[in-house]
Amino acid sequence: MKNCIKRTGVAKRTLFSSGLLFLCCMAIRSQQTDTSYQKRVLETSEVDLLFSYYKQDGQNAAVTGGEGTEELTDATSSIVLRMPMNESDILTVDVGLSAYTSASSSNVNPLDGGPSVSPFDASSGESRKDLLTYINPSYQHSSDDRNSIWSANAYFSTEYDYLSLGFGGSYTRLFNEKNTELTLSGRVFLDKWNPQYPIELREGFFDDRITGNGTYNPIFSEFEKENRNSYSLSLSFSQIMGKKLQGALFMDLVSQNGLLSTPFQRVYFADFEDFYIDDFQLADNVEQLPDSRFKIPFGGRLNYYLNDLVVLRTYYRFYWDDWGITSHTASLEAPFKVTDKFTLYPTYRYYTQTAADYFYPKEEALSTDSYYTSDYDLSDYNAHQYGMGVQYRDIFASAKVFSFGLKTIDLRFSQYDRSNGLNAFIFTLGTTFVGN
């Protein structure tokens, strides 16, 4: 969830699966030898191959107003290529694909499936699946004394109903014989929706199977804005405090504006009559959220070298935003070195948050309210995540695949459980190859 500025919606895997895939990549890189003291910042080209498989289920789908199936599967694959351009510069290109199938999003149009419809069943229409593609190039320059590092990056991704364009940069300064590090970075995302509204709210909709008292008359109107802009400024400070102890502090300032509502997420009002087609309740409106949001996450890390076999890695983050959400995240990882080449990674993460001011369970919001949502990502809940990983690491890269040496293999599995009934698991596999 770094910078907390990515899209939210039915695909909750966005935070969970891509975040763990990123952590898998970072875990591989963190085990590699520090090259800042060497003549070249990066000796030779390196390639990371990353893959994740994510699956979730639950009964609080925002697409169907907070009640309905949340079943979803996602497969993500990425290739990260790091190339030394000269002694001080590195070009990195990260490209990937994420393909998901979602019973929840299929109910944007539940009528394109079988003869009867229900929020707890998936439709067979095209909205049940999507493909996200992205490219993330970056360029890094280190000063001759290796005490300053500049970087610039760009980002582009597209899927059926969303397009994202981003860019940013960072500056890192090392002090105190490289025992102290200070980094300032910023990013901008300029995104655009291609809104996909629930089928019953689209112009010209008619179905003679509608049942209910009176005439179905939602208060819906299409959003005038379709852009979403996000800006983040990040500051981090890390310090080596001894032979066995290293710590870091970080803080982000994040501002968003534009269309922050998700166009296909239904809301049902307490003061409206209910209308159905079979067992599927028709929307009274889609969620309505403010067109601005300000977020402040801050926290720290503390790593302790216990002995030659075990390192303790701790993490804590506090989060606040002006929508009324506060959250706490705490995690512990204890890498255990089994042999010179194999390390086990047991992990645990705890998360808790308060509900947004605009969250209402199904049929509790009123049509006179200015803002409302039934997205349980914005509800009050806590979550536990348990994981285990194993890493193979050979600094000599003696195993060869074509002309590349195999440096690391990182395999991880995590189970995620929320107090509101959502549960998920993710499997990640990462490898690093180095050129000759």
Protein backbone atom coordinates (compact mmCIF):
# COMPACT_ATOMS: atom_id res chain seq x y z
CA MET A 1 0.00 0.00 0.00
CA LYS A 2 2.90 2.30 -0.41
CA ASN A 3 1.79 5.96 -0.82
CA CYS A 4 -1.82 4.80 -0.56
CA ILE A 5 -2.76 6.35 -3.89
CA LYS A 6 -3.92 3.44 -6.00
CA ARG A 7 -7.47 2.73 -7.17
CA THR A 8 -9.94 1.04 -4.77
CA GLY A 9 -12.98 -1.04 -5.78
CA VAL A 10 -14.23 -4.57 -6.19
CA ALA A 11 -10.78 -6.02 -6.85
CA LYS A 12 -9.45 -6.02 -3.29
CA ARG A 13 -6.55 -8.06 -4.58
CA THR A 14 -5.08 -4.75 -5.82
CA LEU A 15 -3.80 -3.98 -2.33
CA PHE A 16 -3.13 -7.53 -1.22
CA SER A 17 -1.68 -9.38 -4.21
CA SER A 18 0.32 -6.60 -5.84
CA GLY A 19 1.58 -5.49 -2.43
CA LEU A 20 2.86 -8.96 -1.57
CA LEU A 21 4.38 -9.36 -5.03
CA PHE A 22 6.24 -6.10 -4.43
CA LEU A 23 7.42 -7.35 -1.02
CA CYS A 24 8.62 -10.57 -2.63
CA CYS A 25 10.69 -8.53 -5.11
CA MET A 26 12.07 -6.34 -2.32
CA ALA A 27 12.95 -9.40 -0.26
CA ILE A 28 15.03 -10.75 -3.13
CA ARG A 29 16.84 -7.45 -3.62
CA SER A 30 17.46 -6.92 0.10
CA GLN A 31 19.49 -10.13 0.21
CA GLN A 32 21.84 -9.03 -2.54
CA THR A 33 25.28 -7.59 -1.83
CA ASP A 34 25.41 -3.81 -1.30
CA THR A 35 27.18 -2.40 -4.35
CA SER A 36 27.44 1.21 -3.16
CA TYR A 37 31.09 0.71 -2.15
CA GLN A 38 32.08 -0.80 -5.48
CA LYS A 39 33.42 1.01 -8.50
CA ARG A 40 30.24 0.32 -10.45
CA VAL A 41 26.82 0.79 -8.88
CA LEU A 42 25.63 -2.34 -10.69
CA GLU A 43 28.20 -4.78 -12.05
CA THR A 44 26.02 -6.56 -14.58
CA SER A 45 22.44 -6.77 -15.83
CA GLU A 46 19.90 -8.45 -13.58
CA VAL A 47 16.46 -9.86 -14.35
CA ASP A 48 13.67 -10.54 -11.85
CA LEU A 49 10.86 -12.86 -12.91
CA LEU A 50 7.86 -12.56 -10.59
CA PHE A 51 4.57 -14.42 -10.45
CA SER A 52 1.64 -14.41 -8.01
CA TYR A 53 -1.66 -16.23 -7.73
CA TYR A 54 -4.35 -14.72 -5.52
CA LYS A 55 -7.79 -16.01 -4.52
CA GLN A 56 -10.42 -14.49 -2.24
CA ASP A 57 -14.00 -15.02 -1.11
CA GLY A 58 -16.52 -13.19 1.06
CA GLN A 59 -20.15 -12.06 1.24
CA ASN A 60 -19.96 -8.23 1.23
CA ALA A 61 -19.46 -7.24 -2.40
CA ALA A 62 -19.63 -3.48 -2.98
CA VAL A 63 -20.85 -4.09 -6.54
CA THR A 64 -24.10 -5.43 -5.06
CA GLY A 65 -24.46 -2.88 -2.27
CA GLY A 66 -22.49 -4.65 0.47
CA GLU A 67 -24.18 -8.03 0.17
CA GLY A 68 -23.13 -10.68 -2.33
CA THR A 69 -20.26 -12.84 -3.44
CA GLU A 70 -16.70 -11.43 -3.37
CA GLU A 71 -15.14 -14.45 -5.06
CA LEU A 72 -12.14 -13.42 -7.16
CA THR A 73 -8.99 -14.95 -8.61
CA ASP A 74 -6.02 -13.06 -9.97
CA ALA A 75 -2.78 -14.10 -11.68
CA THR A 76 0.00 -11.54 -12.01
CA SER A 77 3.32 -11.87 -13.79
CA SER A 78 6.12 -9.28 -13.99
CA ILE A 79 9.57 -8.92 -15.48
CA VAL A 80 12.01 -6.44 -13.97
CA LEU A 81 15.18 -5.71 -15.96
CA ARG A 82 18.01 -3.67 -14.38
CA MET A 83 20.78 -2.59 -16.75
CA PRO A 84 23.97 -0.66 -15.89
CA MET A 85 24.30 2.17 -18.41
CA ASN A 86 27.75 3.14 -17.13
CA GLU A 87 29.58 3.13 -13.81
CA SER A 88 27.02 5.37 -12.09
CA ASP A 89 23.70 4.99 -13.90
CA ILE A 90 21.09 2.23 -13.89
CA LEU A 91 18.04 1.84 -16.13
CA THR A 92 15.23 -0.33 -14.72
CA VAL A 93 12.20 -1.46 -16.71
CA ASP A 94 9.33 -3.22 -14.93
CA VAL A 95 6.52 -4.62 -17.10
CA GLY A 96 3.66 -6.86 -16.09
CA LEU A 97 0.22 -8.34 -16.67
CA SER A 98 -2.55 -8.96 -14.16
CA ALA A 99 -5.53 -11.06 -15.23
CA TYR A 100 -8.47 -11.57 -12.91
CA THR A 101 -11.85 -13.27 -12.89
CA SER A 102 -14.39 -11.85 -10.44
CA ALA A 103 -17.83 -13.13 -9.53
CA SER A 104 -18.46 -9.76 -7.91
CA SER A 105 -17.63 -7.53 -10.88
CA SER A 106 -19.60 -9.87 -13.12
CA ASN A 107 -22.70 -8.49 -11.41
CA VAL A 108 -22.21 -5.05 -12.90
CA ASN A 109 -24.53 -6.70 -15.41
CA PRO A 110 -26.09 -9.76 -13.74
CA LEU A 111 -28.60 -10.14 -16.57
CA ASP A 112 -26.16 -11.48 -19.17
CA GLY A 113 -25.97 -14.90 -17.55
CA GLY A 114 -28.51 -17.60 -16.85
CA PRO A 115 -32.33 -17.44 -16.61
CA SER A 116 -32.33 -16.30 -12.94
CA VAL A 117 -30.07 -13.82 -11.16
CA SER A 118 -28.74 -13.51 -7.60
CA PRO A 119 -26.06 -11.34 -5.93
CA PHE A 120 -24.48 -14.51 -4.60
CA ASP A 121 -23.97 -16.03 -8.04
CA ALA A 122 -21.60 -14.95 -10.80
CA SER A 123 -22.83 -13.78 -14.16
CA SER A 124 -21.20 -15.21 -17.26
CA GLY A 125 -20.84 -11.85 -18.99
CA GLU A 126 -17.69 -10.00 -20.04
CA SER A 127 -17.59 -7.90 -16.86
CA ARG A 128 -16.52 -10.97 -14.88
CA LYS A 129 -12.92 -10.67 -16.14
CA ASP A 130 -10.34 -8.04 -16.98
CA LEU A 131 -6.67 -7.66 -17.88
CA LEU A 132 -4.39 -4.98 -16.47
CA THR A 133 -1.11 -4.24 -18.23
CA TYR A 134 1.55 -1.87 -16.99
CA ILE A 135 5.05 -0.56 -17.62
CA ASN A 136 7.19 1.21 -15.03
CA PRO A 137 10.60 2.48 -16.29
CA SER A 138 13.03 4.28 -13.97
CA TYR A 139 16.50 5.80 -14.20
CA GLN A 140 18.94 6.12 -11.30
CA HIS A 141 22.16 8.14 -11.08
CA SER A 142 24.71 7.91 -8.25
CA SER A 143 27.33 10.55 -7.54
CA ASP A 144 31.02 9.71 -7.84
CA ASP A 145 31.39 9.37 -4.07
CA ARG A 146 28.18 7.27 -3.94
CA ASN A 147 26.72 9.57 -1.27
CA SER A 148 23.95 11.00 -3.47
CA ILE A 149 21.41 9.15 -5.58
CA TRP A 150 18.93 10.73 -7.99
CA SER A 151 16.14 8.78 -9.66
CA ALA A 152 13.25 9.46 -12.02
CA ASN A 153 10.42 7.10 -12.93
CA ALA A 154 7.27 6.83 -14.99
CA TYR A 155 4.24 4.58 -14.86
CA PHE A 156 1.53 3.60 -17.31
CA SER A 157 -1.25 1.04 -16.88
CA THR A 158 -4.51 0.27 -18.58
CA GLU A 159 -7.50 -1.96 -18.03
CA TYR A 160 -11.02 -2.02 -19.43
CA ASP A 161 -12.46 0.83 -17.36
CA TYR A 162 -9.36 2.61 -16.00
CA LEU A 163 -6.22 4.23 -17.33
CA SER A 164 -3.34 5.46 -15.16
CA LEU A 165 -0.37 7.67 -16.04
CA GLY A 166 2.24 8.48 -13.41
CA PHE A 167 5.67 9.98 -12.97
CA GLY A 168 7.97 10.90 -10.10
CA GLY A 169 11.45 11.13 -8.73
CA SER A 170 13.55 10.87 -5.59
CA TYR A 171 16.76 12.10 -4.02
CA THR A 172 18.75 10.10 -1.48
CA ARG A 173 21.63 11.41 0.60
CA LEU A 174 23.97 9.22 2.65
CA PHE A 175 25.84 10.61 5.67
CA ASN A 176 28.02 9.42 8.48
CA GLU A 177 30.11 6.98 6.43
CA LYS A 178 26.89 5.72 4.82
CA ASN A 179 25.37 4.75 8.18
CA THR A 180 22.64 7.40 7.80
CA GLU A 181 20.32 7.71 4.82
CA LEU A 182 17.72 10.36 4.02
CA THR A 183 15.35 10.08 1.04
CA LEU A 184 12.81 12.56 -0.33
CA SER A 185 10.53 11.41 -3.13
CA GLY A 186 7.38 12.49 -4.93
CA ARG A 187 4.91 10.90 -7.33
CA VAL A 188 1.98 12.06 -9.44
CA PHE A 189 -0.75 9.88 -10.93
CA LEU A 190 -3.12 11.29 -13.55
CA ASP A 191 -5.84 8.68 -13.97
CA LYS A 192 -9.04 8.46 -16.00
CA TRP A 193 -12.13 6.32 -15.63
CA ASN A 194 -14.14 4.78 -18.43
CA PRO A 195 -17.22 4.51 -16.17
CA GLN A 196 -19.16 1.25 -16.24
CA TYR A 197 -22.44 1.79 -14.41
CA PRO A 198 -24.76 -0.97 -13.13
CA ILE A 199 -26.89 -2.22 -15.99
CA GLU A 200 -30.19 -1.06 -14.48
CA LEU A 201 -28.93 2.54 -14.26
CA ARG A 202 -27.94 2.83 -17.90
CA GLU A 203 -29.99 4.87 -20.32
CA GLY A 204 -32.74 2.90 -22.03
CA PHE A 205 -32.80 0.02 -19.53
CA PHE A 206 -36.08 -1.90 -19.38
CA ASP A 207 -36.99 -5.34 -18.08
CA ASP A 208 -40.54 -6.61 -17.61
CA ARG A 209 -39.43 -8.91 -14.76
CA ILE A 210 -39.03 -6.02 -12.28
CA THR A 211 -41.08 -6.53 -9.10
CA GLY A 212 -41.76 -4.11 -6.22
CA ASN A 213 -44.26 -1.57 -4.92
CA GLY A 214 -44.74 1.31 -7.31
CA THR A 215 -42.41 2.29 -10.13
CA TYR A 216 -38.67 1.74 -10.12
CA ASN A 217 -37.21 5.27 -10.09
CA PRO A 218 -33.55 5.52 -8.94
CA ILE A 219 -31.98 8.94 -8.27
CA PHE A 220 -28.91 8.15 -10.34
CA SER A 221 -27.12 10.56 -12.67
CA GLU A 222 -23.80 9.98 -14.39
CA PHE A 223 -20.64 11.51 -12.94
CA GLU A 224 -19.54 14.72 -14.61
CA LYS A 225 -15.87 14.20 -13.71
CA GLU A 226 -14.03 11.14 -14.95
CA ASN A 227 -10.48 12.02 -13.88
CA ARG A 228 -8.70 11.07 -10.66
CA ASN A 229 -5.43 12.80 -9.76
CA SER A 230 -3.14 11.70 -6.93
CA TYR A 231 -0.07 13.43 -5.52
CA SER A 232 2.30 12.08 -2.90
CA LEU A 233 5.36 13.38 -1.08
CA SER A 234 7.43 10.91 0.94
CA LEU A 235 10.24 11.34 3.44
CA SER A 236 12.24 8.47 4.91
CA PHE A 237 15.16 8.31 7.32
CA SER A 238 17.22 5.20 8.07
CA GLN A 239 20.05 4.71 10.52
CA ILE A 240 22.49 1.92 11.30
CA MET A 241 22.58 2.05 15.10
CA GLY A 242 25.11 -0.67 15.69
CA LYS A 243 26.40 -3.97 14.39
CA LYS A 244 23.08 -5.65 15.16
CA LEU A 245 20.45 -2.90 14.97
CA GLN A 246 19.07 -0.85 12.08
CA GLY A 247 16.01 1.41 12.10
CA ALA A 248 14.00 3.59 9.74
CA LEU A 249 11.25 6.21 9.96
CA PHE A 250 8.95 7.28 7.13
CA MET A 251 6.05 9.62 6.44
CA ASP A 252 3.86 10.25 3.39
CA LEU A 253 1.58 13.13 2.48
CA VAL A 254 -1.03 12.11 -0.10
CA SER A 255 -3.66 14.24 -1.80
CA GLN A 256 -6.33 13.01 -4.23
CA ASN A 257 -9.00 14.81 -6.18
CA GLY A 258 -11.48 14.04 -8.92
CA LEU A 259 -13.75 11.00 -9.27
CA LEU A 260 -12.96 9.07 -6.08
CA SER A 261 -16.21 7.09 -6.20
CA THR A 262 -16.28 3.75 -7.99
CA PRO A 263 -18.99 4.03 -10.69
CA PHE A 264 -20.18 0.40 -10.58
CA GLN A 265 -20.67 0.05 -6.80
CA ARG A 266 -24.36 0.05 -5.86
CA VAL A 267 -26.04 1.63 -2.84
CA TYR A 268 -29.50 0.78 -1.40
CA PHE A 269 -31.38 3.39 0.67
CA ALA A 270 -33.40 2.87 3.83
CA ASP A 271 -36.10 5.32 2.64
CA PHE A 272 -36.62 3.75 -0.83
CA GLU A 273 -38.81 0.83 -1.85
CA ASP A 274 -37.00 -2.35 -2.90
CA PHE A 275 -37.20 -3.52 -6.50
CA TYR A 276 -35.96 -6.87 -7.80
CA ILE A 277 -35.37 -8.97 -10.84
CA ASP A 278 -35.63 -12.49 -9.43
CA ASP A 279 -33.39 -12.38 -6.31
CA PHE A 280 -31.28 -9.46 -7.52
CA GLN A 281 -32.07 -6.08 -5.95
CA LEU A 282 -31.85 -3.11 -8.31
CA ALA A 283 -29.70 -0.14 -7.29
CA ASP A 284 -31.11 3.07 -5.80
CA ASN A 285 -27.86 4.83 -6.76
CA VAL A 286 -24.10 4.24 -6.96
CA GLU A 287 -21.75 5.25 -4.17
CA GLN A 288 -21.17 8.97 -3.75
CA LEU A 289 -17.90 10.06 -2.12
CA PRO A 290 -16.20 13.47 -1.78
CA ASP A 291 -14.07 14.62 -4.71
CA SER A 292 -11.02 15.15 -2.50
CA ARG A 293 -9.12 13.11 0.07
CA PHE A 294 -6.04 13.77 2.16
CA LYS A 295 -4.00 10.95 3.74
CA ILE A 296 -1.10 10.84 6.19
CA PRO A 297 0.58 7.50 6.87
CA PHE A 298 3.73 7.40 9.00
CA GLY A 299 5.65 4.72 10.85
CA GLY A 300 8.93 2.90 11.13
CA ARG A 301 10.96 -0.27 10.84
CA LEU A 302 13.39 -1.86 13.28
CA ASN A 303 15.63 -4.78 12.30
CA TYR A 304 17.69 -6.67 14.84
CA TYR A 305 20.42 -9.19 14.06
CA LEU A 306 19.80 -11.79 16.76
CA ASN A 307 22.56 -14.23 15.75
CA ASP A 308 24.00 -15.93 12.67
CA LEU A 309 20.72 -17.80 12.16
CA VAL A 310 17.91 -15.32 12.91
CA VAL A 311 17.13 -11.68 12.08
CA LEU A 312 14.02 -9.97 13.52
CA ARG A 313 12.31 -7.46 11.21
CA THR A 314 9.54 -5.34 12.73
CA TYR A 315 7.25 -2.78 11.11
CA TYR A 316 4.58 -0.35 12.33
CA ARG A 317 2.44 2.19 10.47
CA PHE A 318 -0.25 4.63 11.59
CA TYR A 319 -2.67 6.02 9.01
CA TRP A 320 -5.14 8.91 9.08
CA ASP A 321 -7.32 10.49 6.41
CA ASP A 322 -9.98 13.19 6.30
CA TRP A 323 -12.69 10.67 5.44
CA GLY A 324 -12.63 9.49 9.06
CA ILE A 325 -10.43 6.41 8.72
CA THR A 326 -7.57 5.74 11.13
CA SER A 327 -5.64 2.50 11.02
CA HIS A 328 -2.75 0.66 12.62
CA THR A 329 -0.52 -1.91 10.91
CA ALA A 330 2.08 -4.02 12.69
CA SER A 331 4.13 -6.88 11.28
CA LEU A 332 6.94 -9.19 12.26
CA GLU A 333 9.22 -11.25 10.02
CA ALA A 334 11.87 -13.60 11.40
CA PRO A 335 14.15 -14.93 8.62
CA PHE A 336 15.83 -18.13 9.77
CA LYS A 337 18.96 -19.25 7.95
CA VAL A 338 18.76 -23.01 7.49
CA THR A 339 21.94 -23.38 5.41
CA ASP A 340 24.28 -21.05 3.55
CA LYS A 341 21.84 -21.06 0.63
CA PHE A 342 18.38 -21.57 2.20
CA THR A 343 16.44 -19.20 4.45
CA LEU A 344 12.93 -19.58 5.89
CA TYR A 345 10.67 -16.52 6.30
CA PRO A 346 7.80 -16.86 8.81
CA THR A 347 5.71 -13.66 8.82
CA TYR A 348 2.73 -12.19 10.67
CA ARG A 349 0.83 -8.94 10.04
CA TYR A 350 -2.01 -7.35 11.99
CA TYR A 351 -4.22 -4.56 10.66
CA THR A 352 -7.14 -2.64 12.17
CA GLN A 353 -9.10 0.39 10.96
CA THR A 354 -12.10 2.54 11.83
CA ALA A 355 -14.93 3.06 9.36
CA ALA A 356 -15.10 6.00 6.99
CA ASP A 357 -17.66 8.68 7.84
CA TYR A 358 -19.58 7.75 4.68
CA PHE A 359 -19.83 3.98 5.15
CA TYR A 360 -23.29 2.44 5.59
CA PRO A 361 -24.26 -1.24 5.54
CA LYS A 362 -26.97 -2.19 3.09
CA GLU A 363 -30.18 -0.10 3.37
CA GLU A 364 -28.92 2.16 6.17
CA ALA A 365 -28.01 5.23 4.12
CA LEU A 366 -30.70 7.80 3.34
CA SER A 367 -31.31 9.35 -0.05
CA THR A 368 -30.92 12.78 1.59
CA ASP A 369 -27.33 12.04 2.63
CA SER A 370 -24.65 13.83 0.63
CA TYR A 371 -22.16 10.95 0.63
CA TYR A 372 -22.57 7.20 1.08
CA THR A 373 -20.94 3.89 0.23
CA SER A 374 -21.41 0.23 1.14
CA ASP A 375 -17.86 -0.75 0.25
CA TYR A 376 -16.57 -2.85 3.17
CA ASP A 377 -13.01 -1.77 2.36
CA LEU A 378 -14.13 1.47 4.07
CA SER A 379 -15.81 -0.27 7.03
CA ASP A 380 -14.58 -0.92 10.56
CA TYR A 381 -12.60 -4.18 10.61
CA ASN A 382 -9.39 -5.90 11.62
CA ALA A 383 -7.34 -8.45 9.72
CA HIS A 384 -4.66 -11.06 10.32
CA GLN A 385 -2.15 -12.24 7.74
CA TYR A 386 0.06 -15.28 8.24
CA GLY A 387 2.81 -16.33 5.90
CA MET A 388 5.78 -18.57 5.27
CA GLY A 389 8.48 -18.25 2.67
CA VAL A 390 11.66 -19.95 1.60
CA GLN A 391 14.54 -18.40 -0.28
CA TYR A 392 17.39 -20.00 -2.18
CA ARG A 393 20.37 -17.68 -2.66
CA ASP A 394 23.63 -18.34 -4.46
CA ILE A 395 25.87 -15.25 -4.61
CA PHE A 396 28.06 -16.98 -7.18
CA ALA A 397 25.08 -17.73 -9.45
CA SER A 398 26.60 -21.07 -10.34
CA ALA A 399 23.36 -22.48 -11.84
CA LYS A 400 22.93 -21.24 -15.41
CA VAL A 401 19.87 -20.61 -17.59
CA PHE A 402 21.13 -19.73 -21.05
CA SER A 403 23.76 -17.03 -20.39
CA PHE A 404 22.27 -15.89 -17.07
CA GLY A 405 23.20 -17.16 -13.63
CA LEU A 406 20.47 -17.98 -11.09
CA LYS A 407 21.05 -15.83 -8.01
CA THR A 408 17.86 -16.20 -5.95
CA ILE A 409 14.56 -18.06 -5.84
CA ASP A 410 11.95 -16.72 -3.44
CA LEU A 411 8.76 -18.71 -2.77
CA ARG A 412 6.07 -17.40 -0.37
CA PHE A 413 2.53 -18.21 0.76
CA SER A 414 0.24 -15.97 2.84
CA GLN A 415 -3.25 -16.38 4.31
CA TYR A 416 -5.37 -13.28 4.94
CA ASP A 417 -8.50 -13.18 7.14
CA ARG A 418 -10.75 -10.19 7.86
CA SER A 419 -13.18 -9.84 10.74
CA ASN A 420 -15.98 -9.00 8.24
CA GLY A 421 -15.70 -12.41 6.58
CA LEU A 422 -13.35 -11.75 3.66
CA ASN A 423 -10.60 -14.35 3.41
CA ALA A 424 -7.87 -14.78 0.84
CA PHE A 425 -4.57 -16.44 0.09
CA ILE A 426 -1.68 -15.52 -2.17
CA PHE A 427 1.18 -17.55 -3.58
CA THR A 428 4.21 -15.66 -4.92
CA LEU A 429 7.29 -16.83 -6.77
CA GLY A 430 10.26 -14.61 -7.56
CA THR A 431 13.61 -15.32 -9.20
CA THR A 432 16.66 -13.18 -9.91
CA PHE A 433 19.10 -13.88 -12.76
CA VAL A 434 22.39 -12.06 -13.36
CA GLY A 435 24.24 -11.69 -16.62
CA ASN A 436 27.81 -12.70 -17.25
